Structure formats: structure tokens, C-alpha cells
């Protein structure tokens, strides 16, 4: 499916409904931005893009909507440090490189990384997912 179709209003409304999310105008606008292409956006980046396109949307609305989308599985929340969270439109199993110098987050295919010798899980639990972020920095001065 091409990126243009994935961000169409009809497609976005259908995806929101499938996830159990009421498709309000603001949620549709935010989803169209996120689904336009595979990307990693911070809440502030989403806020800037949404507010360039039309009526102003509050920061609280952006954060609440992104949190809702993450809980419903529409985006993947990637926490690279306690103060930096990205919302990833690629919800498949994969991991990330985080370039600390530039702040860029890059995908690592899930099949390119294996976790061996995983510790025993607490009794009565199962693994719900594994998110690995490898922090990198430039070695060239």
C-alpha cells in the first residue's frame, strides 16, 4: 500500500475505528501526519506540523492523542531517554539506533538482532515485547 493511501482521510478513519478510537477531526489530522510514511516523530514535531496546517491544537491534545494511539497499537512509543519520546508509525517488531549527536532515531529490522540468554520472567508473567535502543555517537570530530 502506498504512503499516500495510508494517510488518506478514509483510510485513517477506518484505522481509528478498527482500533476503537473515535475519529474526531483533531485525531484524524494527527493520524494523517503519522501514517503519511514510516517515521519517528516527537510530540513537539507533531504539534508543529499540525499547527502549520490549520487551526491551533493544544499541546495537551497532542500528548493525549499520541498516548491513546500508542495504547491502541496505532503507533509505537519509543523512549530514548526520560525526556525524549518518539512515536513510530512502524508498529512491526523492530528495534532502533538513536544518534545522540543529531537526535535521529533509525530502525533496525527485528530479524537483524537476537537476544540470547533472556532472564527468567517473574512467575505468572509473559513477555509482551522487547524494545532495544542502541545509542550511537559520531566518532569523527
N, C-alpha and C. Protein backbone atom coordinates (compact mmCIF):
# COMPACT_ATOMS: atom_id res chain seq x y z
N UNK A 1 0.85 -1.18 0.00
CA UNK A 1 0.00 0.00 0.00
C UNK A 1 0.89 1.24 0.00
N UNK A 2 0.59 2.21 -0.85
CA UNK A 2 1.45 3.38 -0.92
C UNK A 2 1.16 4.36 0.22
N UNK A 3 2.17 5.22 0.50
CA UNK A 3 2.07 6.15 1.62
C UNK A 3 0.90 7.12 1.48
N UNK A 4 0.61 7.54 0.25
CA UNK A 4 -0.48 8.48 0.02
C UNK A 4 -1.81 7.87 0.47
N UNK A 5 -2.03 6.60 0.12
CA UNK A 5 -3.27 5.93 0.51
C UNK A 5 -3.35 5.78 2.03
N UNK A 6 -2.21 5.49 2.68
CA UNK A 6 -2.20 5.27 4.13
C UNK A 6 -2.52 6.53 4.91
N UNK A 7 -2.35 7.69 4.31
CA UNK A 7 -2.67 8.92 5.02
C UNK A 7 -3.99 9.54 4.54
N UNK A 8 -4.69 8.86 3.62
CA UNK A 8 -5.97 9.40 3.16
C UNK A 8 -6.95 9.44 4.32
N UNK A 9 -7.84 10.38 4.27
CA UNK A 9 -8.80 10.55 5.36
C UNK A 9 -9.65 9.30 5.56
N UNK A 10 -10.09 8.68 4.47
CA UNK A 10 -10.91 7.47 4.56
C UNK A 10 -10.15 6.34 5.23
N UNK A 11 -8.89 6.13 4.82
CA UNK A 11 -8.06 5.07 5.40
C UNK A 11 -7.84 5.34 6.89
N UNK A 12 -7.51 6.58 7.24
CA UNK A 12 -7.24 6.94 8.63
C UNK A 12 -8.47 6.71 9.50
N UNK A 13 -9.63 7.15 9.04
CA UNK A 13 -10.86 6.95 9.81
C UNK A 13 -11.12 5.46 10.03
N UNK A 14 -10.92 4.67 8.99
CA UNK A 14 -11.10 3.22 9.08
C UNK A 14 -10.14 2.62 10.12
N UNK A 15 -8.88 3.03 10.11
CA UNK A 15 -7.90 2.50 11.06
C UNK A 15 -8.22 2.92 12.49
N UNK A 16 -8.65 4.16 12.67
CA UNK A 16 -9.03 4.62 14.01
C UNK A 16 -10.21 3.80 14.54
N UNK A 17 -11.21 3.61 13.72
CA UNK A 17 -12.38 2.84 14.14
C UNK A 17 -12.01 1.39 14.48
N UNK A 18 -11.16 0.77 13.63
CA UNK A 18 -10.71 -0.61 13.89
C UNK A 18 -10.02 -0.72 15.25
N UNK A 19 -9.32 0.33 15.64
CA UNK A 19 -8.59 0.33 16.91
C UNK A 19 -9.47 0.75 18.08
N UNK A 20 -10.73 1.09 17.80
CA UNK A 20 -11.62 1.52 18.88
C UNK A 20 -11.43 2.96 19.29
N UNK A 21 -10.95 3.79 18.36
CA UNK A 21 -10.71 5.21 18.64
C UNK A 21 -11.75 6.02 17.88
N UNK A 22 -12.47 6.89 18.58
CA UNK A 22 -13.44 7.77 17.94
C UNK A 22 -12.69 8.75 17.04
N UNK A 23 -13.04 8.80 15.75
CA UNK A 23 -12.29 9.65 14.80
C UNK A 23 -12.73 11.11 14.83
N UNK A 24 -12.24 11.87 15.82
CA UNK A 24 -12.52 13.31 15.85
C UNK A 24 -11.65 14.00 14.80
N UNK A 25 -11.96 15.23 14.49
CA UNK A 25 -11.19 15.97 13.48
C UNK A 25 -9.72 16.06 13.86
N UNK A 26 -9.43 16.37 15.12
CA UNK A 26 -8.04 16.50 15.55
C UNK A 26 -7.31 15.16 15.49
N UNK A 27 -7.97 14.09 15.90
CA UNK A 27 -7.34 12.76 15.83
C UNK A 27 -7.06 12.36 14.39
N UNK A 28 -7.97 12.68 13.50
CA UNK A 28 -7.78 12.37 12.08
C UNK A 28 -6.56 13.12 11.55
N UNK A 29 -6.45 14.42 11.87
CA UNK A 29 -5.32 15.22 11.40
C UNK A 29 -3.99 14.67 11.92
N UNK A 30 -3.97 14.31 13.19
CA UNK A 30 -2.75 13.77 13.79
C UNK A 30 -2.39 12.43 13.15
N UNK A 31 -3.39 11.57 12.97
CA UNK A 31 -3.16 10.26 12.36
C UNK A 31 -2.67 10.41 10.91
N UNK A 32 -3.22 11.35 10.17
CA UNK A 32 -2.78 11.55 8.78
C UNK A 32 -1.29 11.90 8.73
N UNK A 33 -0.84 12.69 9.68
CA UNK A 33 0.58 13.05 9.74
C UNK A 33 1.42 11.82 10.06
N UNK A 34 0.98 11.06 11.07
CA UNK A 34 1.75 9.88 11.50
C UNK A 34 1.78 8.79 10.44
N UNK A 35 0.67 8.59 9.74
CA UNK A 35 0.56 7.49 8.78
C UNK A 35 1.06 7.86 7.38
N UNK A 36 1.48 9.10 7.18
CA UNK A 36 1.92 9.56 5.85
C UNK A 36 3.09 8.74 5.32
N UNK A 37 3.97 8.30 6.22
CA UNK A 37 5.13 7.49 5.84
C UNK A 37 5.73 6.90 7.11
N UNK A 38 6.55 5.87 6.97
CA UNK A 38 7.24 5.36 8.16
C UNK A 38 8.16 6.45 8.70
N UNK A 39 7.96 6.83 9.96
CA UNK A 39 8.74 7.93 10.52
C UNK A 39 8.70 7.88 12.03
N UNK A 40 9.60 8.62 12.64
CA UNK A 40 9.69 8.76 14.08
C UNK A 40 9.51 10.25 14.40
N UNK A 41 8.44 10.59 15.07
CA UNK A 41 8.17 11.99 15.39
C UNK A 41 7.99 12.17 16.89
N UNK A 42 8.52 13.25 17.42
CA UNK A 42 8.26 13.59 18.81
C UNK A 42 6.92 14.31 18.89
N UNK A 43 6.40 14.43 20.09
CA UNK A 43 5.13 15.14 20.27
C UNK A 43 5.25 16.59 19.80
N UNK A 44 6.39 17.22 20.06
CA UNK A 44 6.59 18.60 19.63
C UNK A 44 6.61 18.72 18.11
N UNK A 45 7.21 17.74 17.44
CA UNK A 45 7.21 17.76 15.97
C UNK A 45 5.79 17.62 15.43
N UNK A 46 5.01 16.71 16.02
CA UNK A 46 3.61 16.54 15.60
C UNK A 46 2.85 17.84 15.84
N UNK A 47 3.05 18.45 16.99
CA UNK A 47 2.39 19.72 17.32
C UNK A 47 2.71 20.78 16.28
N UNK A 48 3.98 20.91 15.92
CA UNK A 48 4.37 21.93 14.92
C UNK A 48 3.73 21.66 13.56
N UNK A 49 3.74 20.41 13.13
CA UNK A 49 3.16 20.08 11.82
C UNK A 49 1.66 20.32 11.81
N UNK A 50 0.97 19.87 12.85
CA UNK A 50 -0.49 20.05 12.93
C UNK A 50 -0.84 21.54 12.94
N UNK A 51 -0.11 22.32 13.71
CA UNK A 51 -0.45 23.73 13.84
C UNK A 51 -0.03 24.57 12.63
N UNK A 52 0.81 24.04 11.74
CA UNK A 52 1.13 24.71 10.48
C UNK A 52 -0.01 24.55 9.49
N UNK A 53 -0.74 23.45 9.63
CA UNK A 53 -1.74 23.08 8.63
C UNK A 53 -3.11 23.73 8.85
N UNK A 54 -3.41 24.18 10.03
CA UNK A 54 -4.77 24.70 10.24
C UNK A 54 -4.95 25.30 11.61
N UNK A 55 -6.18 25.18 12.15
CA UNK A 55 -6.46 25.75 13.47
C UNK A 55 -5.54 25.15 14.54
N UNK A 56 -5.18 25.97 15.51
CA UNK A 56 -4.23 25.54 16.53
C UNK A 56 -4.81 24.42 17.39
N UNK A 57 -3.95 23.44 17.65
CA UNK A 57 -4.29 22.31 18.52
C UNK A 57 -3.39 22.43 19.74
N UNK A 58 -3.93 22.20 20.93
CA UNK A 58 -3.15 22.36 22.15
C UNK A 58 -2.13 21.24 22.31
N UNK A 59 -1.09 21.54 23.07
CA UNK A 59 -0.06 20.54 23.37
C UNK A 59 -0.68 19.36 24.13
N UNK A 60 -1.60 19.64 25.04
CA UNK A 60 -2.25 18.58 25.81
C UNK A 60 -3.02 17.63 24.89
N UNK A 61 -3.69 18.17 23.89
CA UNK A 61 -4.43 17.34 22.94
C UNK A 61 -3.47 16.43 22.17
N UNK A 62 -2.34 16.98 21.75
CA UNK A 62 -1.34 16.18 21.04
C UNK A 62 -0.85 15.04 21.92
N UNK A 63 -0.42 15.35 23.14
CA UNK A 63 0.09 14.32 24.05
C UNK A 63 -0.97 13.27 24.36
N UNK A 64 -2.18 13.72 24.64
CA UNK A 64 -3.27 12.77 24.95
C UNK A 64 -3.57 11.87 23.75
N UNK A 65 -3.59 12.44 22.56
CA UNK A 65 -3.89 11.67 21.35
C UNK A 65 -2.77 10.68 21.06
N UNK A 66 -1.52 11.11 21.16
CA UNK A 66 -0.40 10.20 20.92
C UNK A 66 -0.40 9.06 21.94
N UNK A 67 -0.69 9.38 23.18
CA UNK A 67 -0.78 8.34 24.21
C UNK A 67 -1.88 7.34 23.91
N UNK A 68 -3.03 7.84 23.48
CA UNK A 68 -4.14 6.98 23.10
C UNK A 68 -3.76 6.10 21.92
N UNK A 69 -3.16 6.68 20.89
CA UNK A 69 -2.74 5.91 19.71
C UNK A 69 -1.74 4.82 20.11
N UNK A 70 -0.83 5.12 21.03
CA UNK A 70 0.15 4.12 21.47
C UNK A 70 -0.55 2.99 22.23
N UNK A 71 -1.47 3.33 23.12
CA UNK A 71 -2.20 2.30 23.88
C UNK A 71 -3.03 1.41 22.97
N UNK A 72 -3.54 1.96 21.87
CA UNK A 72 -4.38 1.21 20.94
C UNK A 72 -3.56 0.50 19.85
N UNK A 73 -2.24 0.66 19.87
CA UNK A 73 -1.39 -0.03 18.91
C UNK A 73 -1.29 0.61 17.55
N UNK A 74 -1.72 1.86 17.43
CA UNK A 74 -1.64 2.56 16.14
C UNK A 74 -0.24 3.09 15.87
N UNK A 75 0.49 3.42 16.92
CA UNK A 75 1.89 3.83 16.82
C UNK A 75 2.64 3.14 17.95
N UNK A 76 3.94 3.12 17.82
CA UNK A 76 4.80 2.53 18.84
C UNK A 76 5.52 3.66 19.57
N UNK A 77 5.44 3.65 20.88
CA UNK A 77 6.12 4.67 21.67
C UNK A 77 7.55 4.20 21.92
N UNK A 78 8.53 5.02 21.54
CA UNK A 78 9.94 4.69 21.71
C UNK A 78 10.55 5.71 22.66
N UNK A 79 10.93 5.27 23.83
CA UNK A 79 11.51 6.15 24.84
C UNK A 79 13.03 6.02 24.76
N UNK A 80 13.70 7.06 24.27
CA UNK A 80 15.15 7.00 24.11
C UNK A 80 15.88 7.53 25.34
N UNK A 81 15.22 8.35 26.11
CA UNK A 81 15.69 8.75 27.43
C UNK A 81 14.48 9.35 28.14
N UNK A 82 14.56 9.59 29.44
CA UNK A 82 13.36 10.04 30.17
C UNK A 82 12.72 11.32 29.64
N UNK A 83 13.48 12.11 28.89
CA UNK A 83 12.95 13.38 28.38
C UNK A 83 12.68 13.35 26.89
N UNK A 84 12.91 12.22 26.22
CA UNK A 84 12.77 12.18 24.76
C UNK A 84 12.00 10.93 24.36
N UNK A 85 10.79 11.17 23.84
CA UNK A 85 9.93 10.08 23.39
C UNK A 85 9.58 10.32 21.92
N UNK A 86 9.67 9.27 21.12
CA UNK A 86 9.26 9.33 19.72
C UNK A 86 8.03 8.46 19.54
N UNK A 87 7.23 8.80 18.55
CA UNK A 87 6.07 7.99 18.17
C UNK A 87 6.34 7.46 16.78
N UNK A 88 6.45 6.14 16.70
CA UNK A 88 6.90 5.44 15.50
C UNK A 88 5.69 4.89 14.76
N UNK A 89 5.53 5.28 13.51
CA UNK A 89 4.40 4.81 12.71
C UNK A 89 4.58 3.36 12.26
N UNK A 90 5.78 2.81 12.42
CA UNK A 90 6.05 1.41 12.10
C UNK A 90 5.81 0.58 13.36
N UNK A 91 4.72 -0.15 13.42
CA UNK A 91 4.38 -0.92 14.61
C UNK A 91 4.84 -2.37 14.55
N UNK A 92 5.58 -2.73 13.48
CA UNK A 92 6.10 -4.10 13.40
C UNK A 92 7.22 -4.27 14.44
N UNK A 93 7.57 -5.55 14.71
CA UNK A 93 8.64 -5.82 15.67
C UNK A 93 9.97 -5.36 15.07
N UNK A 94 10.57 -4.36 15.69
CA UNK A 94 11.88 -3.88 15.28
C UNK A 94 12.49 -3.09 16.42
N UNK A 95 13.75 -2.71 16.25
CA UNK A 95 14.50 -2.01 17.28
C UNK A 95 15.06 -0.72 16.67
N UNK A 96 15.88 -0.01 17.45
CA UNK A 96 16.32 1.31 16.98
C UNK A 96 17.77 1.63 17.33
N UNK A 97 18.38 2.44 16.46
CA UNK A 97 19.59 3.18 16.77
C UNK A 97 19.13 4.59 17.11
N UNK A 98 19.70 5.19 18.15
CA UNK A 98 19.43 6.59 18.46
C UNK A 98 20.75 7.34 18.40
N UNK A 99 20.86 8.27 17.46
CA UNK A 99 22.07 9.08 17.31
C UNK A 99 22.01 10.22 18.31
N UNK A 100 22.81 10.12 19.38
CA UNK A 100 22.74 11.12 20.44
C UNK A 100 23.21 12.49 19.96
N UNK A 101 24.08 12.53 18.94
CA UNK A 101 24.57 13.81 18.42
C UNK A 101 23.50 14.58 17.66
N UNK A 102 22.74 13.86 16.84
CA UNK A 102 21.75 14.53 15.99
C UNK A 102 20.32 14.40 16.50
N UNK A 103 20.07 13.45 17.39
CA UNK A 103 18.71 13.21 17.87
C UNK A 103 17.89 12.37 16.92
N UNK A 104 18.54 11.76 15.92
CA UNK A 104 17.81 10.96 14.92
C UNK A 104 17.61 9.54 15.44
N UNK A 105 16.41 9.00 15.17
CA UNK A 105 16.08 7.63 15.51
C UNK A 105 15.96 6.84 14.22
N UNK A 106 16.66 5.70 14.14
CA UNK A 106 16.68 4.90 12.91
C UNK A 106 16.28 3.46 13.23
N UNK A 107 15.54 2.85 12.32
CA UNK A 107 15.07 1.48 12.51
C UNK A 107 16.18 0.45 12.35
N UNK A 108 16.07 -0.63 13.12
CA UNK A 108 16.85 -1.84 12.94
C UNK A 108 15.82 -2.94 12.75
N UNK A 109 15.90 -3.66 11.65
CA UNK A 109 14.96 -4.77 11.41
C UNK A 109 15.02 -5.74 12.58
N UNK A 110 13.86 -6.22 13.01
CA UNK A 110 13.78 -7.14 14.13
C UNK A 110 14.60 -8.39 13.92
N UNK A 111 14.68 -8.87 12.69
CA UNK A 111 15.43 -10.10 12.40
C UNK A 111 16.94 -9.88 12.44
N UNK A 112 17.39 -8.62 12.46
CA UNK A 112 18.83 -8.34 12.47
C UNK A 112 19.42 -8.32 13.88
N UNK A 113 18.61 -8.57 14.89
CA UNK A 113 19.08 -8.51 16.26
C UNK A 113 18.45 -9.65 17.04
N UNK A 114 19.29 -10.42 17.72
CA UNK A 114 18.79 -11.54 18.51
C UNK A 114 19.16 -11.33 19.95
N UNK A 115 18.26 -11.66 20.84
CA UNK A 115 18.51 -11.59 22.27
C UNK A 115 18.68 -13.01 22.78
N UNK A 116 19.88 -13.32 23.24
CA UNK A 116 20.14 -14.65 23.77
C UNK A 116 20.22 -14.57 25.29
N UNK A 117 19.93 -15.69 25.93
CA UNK A 117 20.02 -15.78 27.39
C UNK A 117 19.13 -14.75 28.09
N UNK A 118 17.91 -14.65 27.62
CA UNK A 118 16.96 -13.76 28.28
C UNK A 118 16.71 -14.25 29.70
N UNK A 119 16.68 -13.35 30.68
CA UNK A 119 16.47 -13.78 32.06
C UNK A 119 15.08 -14.41 32.24
N UNK A 120 14.96 -15.24 33.26
CA UNK A 120 13.67 -15.85 33.58
C UNK A 120 12.68 -14.74 33.94
N UNK A 121 11.48 -14.86 33.42
CA UNK A 121 10.46 -13.86 33.70
C UNK A 121 9.85 -14.12 35.08
N UNK A 122 9.35 -13.07 35.73
CA UNK A 122 8.68 -13.28 37.01
C UNK A 122 7.52 -14.27 36.85
N UNK A 123 7.29 -15.05 37.87
CA UNK A 123 6.23 -16.05 37.82
C UNK A 123 4.89 -15.41 37.49
N UNK A 124 4.14 -16.07 36.61
CA UNK A 124 2.82 -15.59 36.23
C UNK A 124 2.84 -14.49 35.19
N UNK A 125 3.99 -14.28 34.54
CA UNK A 125 4.07 -13.24 33.51
C UNK A 125 4.56 -13.84 32.19
N UNK A 126 4.36 -13.09 31.11
CA UNK A 126 4.91 -13.45 29.81
C UNK A 126 5.44 -12.18 29.16
N UNK A 127 6.42 -12.35 28.29
CA UNK A 127 6.99 -11.19 27.59
C UNK A 127 5.95 -10.62 26.63
N UNK A 128 5.70 -9.32 26.74
CA UNK A 128 4.75 -8.64 25.85
C UNK A 128 5.47 -7.96 24.70
N UNK A 129 6.78 -7.86 24.79
CA UNK A 129 7.56 -7.24 23.74
C UNK A 129 8.93 -6.86 24.27
N UNK A 130 9.85 -6.68 23.37
CA UNK A 130 11.20 -6.25 23.74
C UNK A 130 11.56 -5.08 22.84
N UNK A 131 11.94 -3.98 23.46
CA UNK A 131 12.34 -2.79 22.73
C UNK A 131 13.79 -2.48 23.05
N UNK A 132 14.64 -2.52 22.05
CA UNK A 132 16.06 -2.25 22.25
C UNK A 132 16.40 -0.95 21.51
N UNK A 133 17.04 -0.04 22.24
CA UNK A 133 17.53 1.20 21.65
C UNK A 133 19.04 1.22 21.85
N UNK A 134 19.78 1.23 20.75
CA UNK A 134 21.23 1.30 20.80
C UNK A 134 21.62 2.75 20.54
N UNK A 135 22.23 3.38 21.53
CA UNK A 135 22.63 4.77 21.41
C UNK A 135 24.01 4.84 20.74
N UNK A 136 24.12 5.66 19.71
CA UNK A 136 25.38 5.81 18.97
C UNK A 136 25.75 7.28 18.92
N UNK A 137 27.06 7.52 18.75
CA UNK A 137 27.51 8.90 18.56
C UNK A 137 28.61 8.90 17.51
N UNK A 138 28.81 10.04 16.89
CA UNK A 138 29.85 10.18 15.87
C UNK A 138 31.23 10.00 16.49
N UNK A 139 32.09 9.30 15.78
CA UNK A 139 33.47 9.13 16.23
C UNK A 139 34.40 10.10 15.52
N UNK A 140 33.89 10.77 14.50
CA UNK A 140 34.68 11.75 13.75
C UNK A 140 34.48 13.12 14.38
N UNK A 141 35.57 13.78 14.70
CA UNK A 141 35.48 15.09 15.36
C UNK A 141 35.19 16.19 14.38
